[in-house]
Amino acid sequence: MEERAAVDAVRDTTRERGEMHVSRPTEDTLLVRLSGSWTLHSDRPTVAELRRQLDAETRVQRVTFETSGLTAWDSGLVTFLRNVEELCRSRQISIDRGTLPDGIRRLLDLAAAVPERQGARRGVARDPLLARLGKWGIGVGEAVSEMLRFIGEAFLAFLQLLRGRASFRSSDLALLLQECGAQALPIVTLISFLVGAILAFIGAVQLQQFGAQIYVANLVGLAMAMEMGAMMTAIIMSGRTGAAFAAQLGTMQVNQEIDALTTLGISPMEFLVVPRMLALVLMVPLLTVYADLMGMLGGAAIGATMLDVSLKVYFHQLQEALTVKYCAQGLIKSAVYGVIIALAGCMRGMQSGRSAAAVGQAATSAVVTSIVGIIVASATLTVIYLQVW
């Protein structure tokens, strides 16, 4: 019961109103009597009411307060008094704080100690549409320029590699080959097997209507060899390896290690970018061949368990459907994807800012850039294949 009574008392205090009465004790003085509860949770008058009083009164030169009737106050009252001071200052009316409680006077002095910065309350001005379009165009132009410059520097560094003059350590290349190849096998195995099984399942739903379940081998084999094997491998490597390259080089930017290489006369493009690009160009096609095999095995699992197609018949049909031309198309795409992933990861890492947040942004941007580049390259190469082959 005591706790309930305490709660009711708090609620009554919260609902208590703050009141303001204005009088004119002398011809040039306006007396503002404040009473009741002036808290943030209570109903209280606003400065607009006092403004109307000042508009109605004439020849007011001084405003004073009577606060003996206050029962409770907090920052709500301080805010009200600050607004009253600003109102009176704009009308060149003096304010007498002498009758205010000591705590309120100290808070008002503290609030007035640091003047408000000019324009602090002004809203953020938004540029016109044409100005925003211009800034966007300039940003796009600068980004394209930086990308082309990086690609050119990478191409020159790769030419140095072909001439046998590139300066990088063979041990770094061996480590990168292991990271991009053997260590990526588990995730490539899982994803490729499931993709092959999904393709076979979707094809089986339609092919069973015509009694052509055997052609699920053609569907899975051609899809994996021509497109899906290279595509899924590239997307996996962009999220796994491309982001790692961007994070590594971004961290080196933060630690000024790339600046140290330049100071020592060592080209960062040859020492850092070339081995990573070479590792991906070599490993992505090999992983694509492995992914094609895993996808076909996933299709074989669906064919044997759901379509009553024996493994011997499945692989015989698969052998007839696949040709060197189809396999070559997927391998060429995979090599191009490897170059794109390496360029995107290294470029974003080299462009990273010198903060922890910038490293994370570089890794994210590397993945996005890689995937966009992969999709564009896939569409372009498909059109070229249709025209050439």
Protein backbone atom coordinates (compact mmCIF):
# COMPACT_ATOMS: atom_id res chain seq x y z
CA MET A 1 0.00 0.00 0.00
CA GLU A 2 2.83 2.41 0.84
CA GLU A 3 4.47 1.73 -2.54
CA ARG A 4 1.13 2.36 -4.31
CA ALA A 5 0.69 5.61 -2.44
CA ALA A 6 4.21 6.71 -3.40
CA VAL A 7 3.48 5.95 -7.04
CA ASP A 8 0.22 7.91 -6.90
CA ALA A 9 2.06 10.84 -5.33
CA VAL A 10 4.62 10.82 -8.14
CA ARG A 11 1.83 10.73 -10.73
CA ASP A 12 0.06 13.65 -9.04
CA THR A 13 3.29 15.65 -9.09
CA THR A 14 3.78 14.82 -12.76
CA ARG A 15 0.26 16.01 -13.62
CA GLU A 16 0.66 19.27 -11.65
CA ARG A 17 0.62 22.33 -13.83
CA GLY A 18 3.02 25.23 -13.93
CA GLU A 19 1.30 28.59 -13.89
CA MET A 20 2.37 32.08 -14.92
CA HIS A 21 0.65 35.35 -13.92
CA VAL A 22 1.76 38.71 -15.29
CA SER A 23 1.14 42.02 -13.52
CA ARG A 24 2.28 45.62 -13.84
CA PRO A 25 3.44 46.89 -10.38
CA THR A 26 4.91 50.05 -11.91
CA GLU A 27 4.55 51.76 -15.24
CA ASP A 28 7.84 50.43 -16.68
CA THR A 29 8.06 47.08 -14.84
CA LEU A 30 6.46 43.75 -15.71
CA LEU A 31 6.22 41.21 -12.88
CA VAL A 32 6.07 37.54 -13.87
CA ARG A 33 4.81 35.26 -11.08
CA LEU A 34 5.77 31.59 -11.55
CA SER A 35 4.05 28.94 -9.44
CA GLY A 36 3.37 25.21 -9.48
CA SER A 37 5.52 22.57 -11.08
CA TRP A 38 7.85 23.69 -13.89
CA THR A 39 9.31 20.36 -15.00
CA LEU A 40 9.71 18.68 -18.35
CA HIS A 41 6.82 16.30 -17.58
CA SER A 42 4.34 18.92 -16.43
CA ASP A 43 2.06 21.24 -18.35
CA ARG A 44 3.51 24.75 -18.30
CA PRO A 45 3.08 28.03 -20.19
CA THR A 46 5.30 28.88 -23.13
CA VAL A 47 7.24 31.97 -24.08
CA ALA A 48 4.59 32.72 -26.70
CA GLU A 49 2.16 33.65 -23.92
CA LEU A 50 4.65 36.13 -22.44
CA ARG A 51 5.32 37.52 -25.91
CA ARG A 52 1.63 38.28 -26.30
CA GLN A 53 1.69 40.06 -22.93
CA LEU A 54 4.64 42.18 -24.01
CA ASP A 55 2.90 43.02 -27.26
CA ALA A 56 -0.16 44.15 -25.33
CA GLU A 57 1.79 46.22 -22.78
CA THR A 58 3.60 49.41 -23.70
CA ARG A 59 6.64 51.20 -22.28
CA VAL A 60 7.94 48.13 -20.46
CA GLN A 61 11.61 48.62 -19.59
CA ARG A 62 12.18 45.91 -16.99
CA VAL A 63 11.02 42.35 -16.29
CA THR A 64 11.25 40.81 -12.82
CA PHE A 65 10.15 37.47 -11.38
CA GLU A 66 8.31 36.14 -8.34
CA THR A 67 9.10 32.44 -7.69
CA SER A 68 7.93 31.84 -4.13
CA GLY A 69 5.08 29.68 -5.43
CA LEU A 70 7.30 27.17 -7.25
CA THR A 71 6.84 23.60 -6.01
CA ALA A 72 9.22 21.83 -8.40
CA TRP A 73 11.49 22.80 -11.29
CA ASP A 74 14.14 21.32 -13.55
CA SER A 75 15.70 22.14 -16.92
CA GLY A 76 12.25 22.94 -18.27
CA LEU A 77 12.20 26.13 -16.21
CA VAL A 78 15.79 26.97 -17.17
CA THR A 79 14.91 26.64 -20.85
CA PHE A 80 11.87 28.86 -20.40
CA LEU A 81 13.94 31.56 -18.67
CA ARG A 82 16.62 31.42 -21.37
CA ASN A 83 13.96 31.97 -24.01
CA VAL A 84 12.54 34.86 -21.97
CA GLU A 85 15.99 36.46 -21.83
CA GLU A 86 16.37 36.17 -25.60
CA LEU A 87 12.91 37.69 -26.08
CA CYS A 88 13.70 40.61 -23.79
CA ARG A 89 17.13 41.12 -25.35
CA SER A 90 15.53 41.44 -28.78
CA ARG A 91 13.19 44.14 -27.39
CA GLN A 92 15.94 45.88 -25.34
CA ILE A 93 14.22 45.10 -22.04
CA SER A 94 16.31 44.48 -18.91
CA ILE A 95 15.80 41.41 -16.71
CA ASP A 96 16.11 41.21 -12.93
CA ARG A 97 17.34 37.76 -11.80
CA GLY A 98 17.57 38.74 -8.13
CA THR A 99 14.38 36.99 -7.08
CA LEU A 100 15.18 33.71 -8.81
CA PRO A 101 16.46 30.76 -6.75
CA ASP A 102 20.24 30.46 -6.47
CA GLY A 103 20.33 27.19 -8.43
CA ILE A 104 18.47 28.70 -11.36
CA ARG A 105 20.75 31.76 -11.43
CA ARG A 106 23.86 29.57 -11.48
CA LEU A 107 22.48 27.46 -14.33
CA LEU A 108 21.59 30.57 -16.32
CA ASP A 109 25.08 31.98 -15.78
CA LEU A 110 26.59 28.69 -16.89
CA ALA A 111 24.43 28.61 -20.01
CA ALA A 112 25.45 32.16 -20.87
CA ALA A 113 29.18 31.56 -20.23
CA VAL A 114 29.75 30.14 -23.73
CA PRO A 115 27.95 32.19 -26.38
CA GLU A 116 25.99 30.35 -29.01
CA ARG A 117 27.88 29.99 -32.27
CA GLN A 118 26.51 32.15 -35.03
CA GLY A 119 24.39 30.11 -37.44
CA ALA A 120 24.24 27.07 -35.15
CA ARG A 121 20.47 26.88 -35.41
CA ARG A 122 20.42 27.34 -39.12
CA GLY A 123 19.36 24.26 -41.04
CA VAL A 124 21.82 22.52 -43.32
CA ALA A 125 21.50 24.16 -46.70
CA ARG A 126 20.99 21.68 -49.51
CA ASP A 127 22.74 22.30 -52.77
CA PRO A 128 20.61 22.78 -55.88
CA LEU A 129 19.95 19.77 -58.09
CA LEU A 130 22.36 20.85 -60.80
CA ALA A 131 25.11 21.43 -58.24
CA ARG A 132 24.59 17.95 -56.79
CA LEU A 133 24.63 16.43 -60.27
CA GLY A 134 27.83 18.31 -61.01
CA LYS A 135 29.51 17.07 -57.84
CA TRP A 136 28.38 13.51 -58.61
CA GLY A 137 29.79 13.78 -62.12
CA ILE A 138 33.10 15.11 -60.84
CA GLY A 139 33.30 12.27 -58.30
CA VAL A 140 32.58 9.67 -60.98
CA GLY A 141 35.21 11.18 -63.25
CA GLU A 142 37.83 11.15 -60.51
CA ALA A 143 36.98 7.54 -59.60
CA VAL A 144 37.26 6.42 -63.23
CA SER A 145 40.54 8.30 -63.59
CA GLU A 146 42.01 6.63 -60.49
CA MET A 147 40.82 3.21 -61.66
CA LEU A 148 42.39 3.64 -65.10
CA ARG A 149 45.63 4.86 -63.55
CA PHE A 150 45.78 1.85 -61.25
CA ILE A 151 45.05 -0.56 -64.10
CA GLY A 152 47.80 1.06 -66.16
CA GLU A 153 50.31 0.78 -63.33
CA ALA A 154 49.34 -2.84 -62.75
CA PHE A 155 49.76 -3.59 -66.46
CA LEU A 156 53.23 -2.04 -66.47
CA ALA A 157 54.17 -4.02 -63.37
CA PHE A 158 52.92 -7.21 -65.05
CA LEU A 159 55.12 -6.43 -68.06
CA GLN A 160 58.03 -6.18 -65.66
CA LEU A 161 57.11 -9.67 -64.47
CA LEU A 162 57.16 -11.01 -68.02
CA ARG A 163 60.61 -9.49 -68.49
CA GLY A 164 61.80 -11.12 -65.27
CA ARG A 165 62.42 -7.78 -63.56
CA ALA A 166 59.54 -7.68 -61.08
CA SER A 167 60.71 -7.30 -57.50
CA PHE A 168 58.74 -9.60 -55.21
CA ARG A 169 59.57 -12.62 -53.08
CA SER A 170 58.80 -16.09 -54.33
CA SER A 171 57.88 -17.12 -50.79
CA ASP A 172 55.09 -14.51 -50.79
CA LEU A 173 53.76 -15.91 -54.07
CA ALA A 174 53.82 -19.47 -52.68
CA LEU A 175 51.90 -18.36 -49.60
CA LEU A 176 49.34 -16.52 -51.72
CA LEU A 177 48.89 -19.56 -53.96
CA GLN A 178 48.11 -21.64 -50.88
CA GLU A 179 45.65 -19.05 -49.54
CA CYS A 180 43.89 -18.65 -52.89
CA GLY A 181 43.94 -22.33 -53.79
CA ALA A 182 44.08 -25.11 -51.23
CA GLN A 183 42.53 -23.14 -48.39
CA ALA A 184 39.54 -22.20 -50.57
CA LEU A 185 38.67 -25.82 -51.46
CA PRO A 186 36.20 -26.48 -48.59
CA ILE A 187 33.90 -23.54 -49.33
CA VAL A 188 34.15 -24.10 -53.10
CA THR A 189 33.26 -27.77 -52.60
CA LEU A 190 30.18 -27.01 -50.52
CA ILE A 191 28.80 -24.21 -52.70
CA SER A 192 29.48 -25.93 -56.03
CA PHE A 193 27.98 -29.26 -54.96
CA LEU A 194 24.81 -27.51 -53.72
CA VAL A 195 24.53 -25.38 -56.86
CA GLY A 196 24.76 -28.49 -59.04
CA ALA A 197 22.15 -30.24 -56.93
CA ILE A 198 19.82 -27.21 -57.14
CA LEU A 199 20.18 -27.01 -60.92
CA ALA A 200 19.44 -30.72 -61.24
CA PHE A 201 16.42 -30.49 -58.95
CA ILE A 202 14.94 -27.51 -60.80
CA GLY A 203 15.55 -29.18 -64.17
CA ALA A 204 14.09 -32.47 -62.98
CA VAL A 205 10.78 -30.81 -62.08
CA GLN A 206 10.32 -29.74 -65.70
CA LEU A 207 11.98 -32.65 -67.50
CA GLN A 208 9.92 -35.27 -65.65
CA GLN A 209 6.80 -33.89 -67.36
CA PHE A 210 8.17 -35.07 -70.69
CA GLY A 211 9.93 -38.22 -69.53
CA ALA A 212 13.32 -36.68 -70.35
CA GLN A 213 15.01 -37.05 -66.98
CA ILE A 214 18.23 -38.18 -68.62
CA TYR A 215 18.80 -34.68 -70.01
CA VAL A 216 19.33 -33.33 -66.52
CA ALA A 217 22.96 -34.33 -67.10
CA ASN A 218 23.11 -32.00 -70.11
CA LEU A 219 21.54 -29.19 -68.12
CA VAL A 220 23.89 -29.46 -65.15
CA GLY A 221 27.01 -30.13 -67.20
CA LEU A 222 26.58 -27.24 -69.63
CA ALA A 223 25.44 -24.79 -66.94
CA MET A 224 28.38 -25.57 -64.68
CA ALA A 225 31.00 -25.69 -67.45
CA MET A 226 29.90 -22.57 -69.31
CA GLU A 227 28.76 -20.22 -66.56
CA MET A 228 27.88 -21.32 -63.06
CA GLY A 229 31.17 -22.96 -62.11
CA ALA A 230 33.24 -19.90 -62.99
CA MET A 231 30.61 -17.48 -61.68
CA MET A 232 30.15 -19.10 -58.27
CA THR A 233 33.90 -19.57 -57.82
CA ALA A 234 34.53 -15.93 -58.66
CA ILE A 235 31.86 -14.68 -56.25
CA ILE A 236 33.27 -16.89 -53.49
CA MET A 237 36.79 -15.63 -54.14
CA SER A 238 35.69 -12.00 -54.26
CA GLY A 239 34.12 -12.27 -50.82
CA ARG A 240 36.87 -14.45 -49.38
CA THR A 241 40.11 -13.36 -51.06
CA GLY A 242 39.38 -10.00 -52.68
CA ALA A 243 38.17 -8.56 -49.37
CA ALA A 244 41.21 -10.05 -47.63
CA PHE A 245 43.54 -8.36 -50.13
CA ALA A 246 41.82 -5.01 -49.57
CA ALA A 247 42.04 -5.39 -45.79
CA GLN A 248 45.71 -6.39 -45.92
CA LEU A 249 46.77 -3.51 -48.12
CA GLY A 250 44.51 -1.09 -46.25
CA THR A 251 46.16 -2.07 -42.97
CA MET A 252 49.55 -1.54 -44.58
CA GLN A 253 48.40 1.95 -45.56
CA VAL A 254 47.40 2.65 -41.97
CA ASN A 255 50.78 1.43 -40.70
CA GLN A 256 52.61 3.39 -43.44
CA GLU A 257 54.27 0.21 -44.69
CA ILE A 258 53.51 1.07 -48.32
CA ASP A 259 55.15 4.48 -47.83
CA ALA A 260 58.17 2.68 -46.40
CA LEU A 261 58.43 0.47 -49.50
CA THR A 262 58.32 3.55 -51.73
CA THR A 263 61.00 5.22 -49.62
CA LEU A 264 63.23 2.16 -50.02
CA GLY A 265 62.82 2.31 -53.80
CA ILE A 266 60.60 -0.80 -54.00
CA SER A 267 57.54 -0.53 -56.23
CA PRO A 268 54.39 -1.40 -54.24
CA MET A 269 52.72 -2.49 -57.48
CA GLU A 270 55.42 -5.07 -58.17
CA PHE A 271 55.96 -6.15 -54.57
CA LEU A 272 52.32 -6.32 -53.44
CA VAL A 273 49.92 -6.29 -56.38
CA VAL A 274 51.68 -8.51 -58.94
CA PRO A 275 51.98 -11.64 -56.74
CA ARG A 276 48.34 -11.34 -55.67
CA MET A 277 47.16 -10.91 -59.24
CA LEU A 278 49.30 -13.82 -60.40
CA ALA A 279 48.01 -16.06 -57.62
CA LEU A 280 44.38 -15.42 -58.48
CA VAL A 281 44.90 -15.74 -62.23
CA LEU A 282 46.49 -19.16 -61.68
CA MET A 283 44.17 -20.46 -58.96
CA VAL A 284 40.72 -19.31 -60.07
CA PRO A 285 40.73 -21.44 -63.29
CA LEU A 286 41.88 -24.48 -61.31
CA LEU A 287 39.20 -23.89 -58.71
CA THR A 288 36.68 -23.48 -61.52
CA VAL A 289 37.55 -26.93 -62.93
CA TYR A 290 37.14 -28.37 -59.44
CA ALA A 291 33.84 -26.47 -58.98
CA ASP A 292 32.55 -27.85 -62.31
CA LEU A 293 33.30 -31.37 -61.14
CA MET A 294 31.62 -30.83 -57.78
CA GLY A 295 28.55 -29.35 -59.44
CA MET A 296 28.25 -32.31 -61.78
CA LEU A 297 28.56 -34.67 -58.82
CA GLY A 298 25.76 -32.75 -57.10
CA GLY A 299 23.61 -33.23 -60.18
CA ALA A 300 24.51 -36.93 -60.23
CA ALA A 301 23.40 -37.25 -56.61
CA ILE A 302 19.98 -35.78 -57.45
CA GLY A 303 19.71 -37.92 -60.60
CA ALA A 304 20.50 -41.13 -58.74
CA THR A 305 18.25 -40.45 -55.75
CA MET A 306 15.23 -38.69 -57.29
CA LEU A 307 15.20 -39.49 -61.03
CA ASP A 308 16.29 -43.14 -61.03
CA VAL A 309 19.15 -42.30 -63.41
CA SER A 310 22.15 -44.53 -62.81
CA LEU A 311 25.57 -42.98 -62.44
CA LYS A 312 26.83 -44.81 -65.52
CA VAL A 313 24.06 -43.42 -67.71
CA TYR A 314 24.41 -39.96 -66.16
CA PHE A 315 28.14 -39.64 -66.85
CA HIS A 316 27.77 -41.14 -70.33
CA GLN A 317 25.19 -38.48 -71.19
CA LEU A 318 27.41 -35.86 -69.59
CA GLN A 319 30.36 -36.96 -71.74
CA GLU A 320 28.30 -36.57 -74.91
CA ALA A 321 27.00 -33.13 -73.92
CA LEU A 322 30.29 -31.53 -72.94
CA THR A 323 32.80 -30.44 -75.57
CA VAL A 324 36.12 -28.64 -75.41
CA LYS A 325 34.46 -25.45 -76.65
CA TYR A 326 32.07 -25.24 -73.70
CA CYS A 327 34.77 -26.00 -71.16
CA ALA A 328 37.11 -23.43 -72.72
CA GLN A 329 34.45 -20.73 -72.43
CA GLY A 330 34.18 -21.24 -68.70
CA LEU A 331 37.95 -21.34 -68.19
CA ILE A 332 38.50 -18.12 -70.13
CA LYS A 333 35.83 -16.42 -68.04
CA SER A 334 37.41 -17.69 -64.84
CA ALA A 335 40.81 -16.22 -65.76
CA VAL A 336 39.19 -12.85 -66.49
CA TYR A 337 37.31 -13.05 -63.19
CA GLY A 338 40.57 -13.69 -61.37
CA VAL A 339 42.12 -10.55 -62.84
CA ILE A 340 39.05 -8.49 -61.90
CA ILE A 341 39.02 -9.77 -58.30
CA ALA A 342 42.74 -9.09 -57.87
CA LEU A 343 42.53 -5.60 -59.37
CA ALA A 344 39.46 -4.65 -57.32
CA GLY A 345 40.86 -5.95 -54.03
CA CYS A 346 44.30 -4.41 -54.48
CA MET A 347 42.97 -1.11 -55.84
CA ARG A 348 40.58 -0.57 -52.94
CA GLY A 349 43.30 -1.53 -50.49
CA MET A 350 45.82 0.88 -52.00
CA GLN A 351 43.17 3.65 -52.02
CA SER A 352 42.20 3.04 -48.39
CA GLY A 353 42.35 5.86 -45.89
CA ARG A 354 44.51 5.75 -42.80
CA SER A 355 41.93 4.65 -40.23
CA ALA A 356 40.30 1.43 -39.04
CA ALA A 357 36.94 2.48 -40.48
CA ALA A 358 38.56 3.14 -43.86
CA VAL A 359 39.98 -0.39 -43.93
CA GLY A 360 36.51 -1.86 -43.41
CA GLN A 361 35.08 0.38 -46.12
CA ALA A 362 37.87 -0.69 -48.47
CA ALA A 363 37.06 -4.38 -47.92
CA THR A 364 33.35 -3.79 -48.54
CA SER A 365 34.03 -1.70 -51.62
CA ALA A 366 36.36 -4.39 -52.97
CA VAL A 367 33.62 -7.03 -52.79
CA VAL A 368 31.04 -4.76 -54.44
CA THR A 369 33.45 -3.71 -57.19
CA SER A 370 34.48 -7.32 -57.83
CA ILE A 371 30.91 -8.61 -58.13
CA VAL A 372 29.86 -5.76 -60.43
CA GLY A 373 32.93 -6.35 -62.59
CA ILE A 374 32.24 -10.09 -62.70
CA ILE A 375 28.65 -9.60 -63.88
CA VAL A 376 29.67 -7.05 -66.53
CA ALA A 377 32.51 -9.30 -67.76
CA SER A 378 30.20 -12.31 -67.89
CA ALA A 379 27.66 -10.48 -70.04
CA THR A 380 30.37 -9.07 -72.31
CA LEU A 381 32.12 -12.41 -72.83
CA THR A 382 28.81 -14.17 -73.48
CA VAL A 383 28.03 -11.72 -76.28
CA ILE A 384 31.52 -12.20 -77.71
CA TYR A 385 31.14 -16.00 -77.61
CA LEU A 386 27.85 -15.78 -79.49
CA GLN A 387 29.52 -13.70 -82.20
CA VAL A 388 32.77 -15.67 -82.46
CA TRP A 389 31.77 -19.27 -81.68
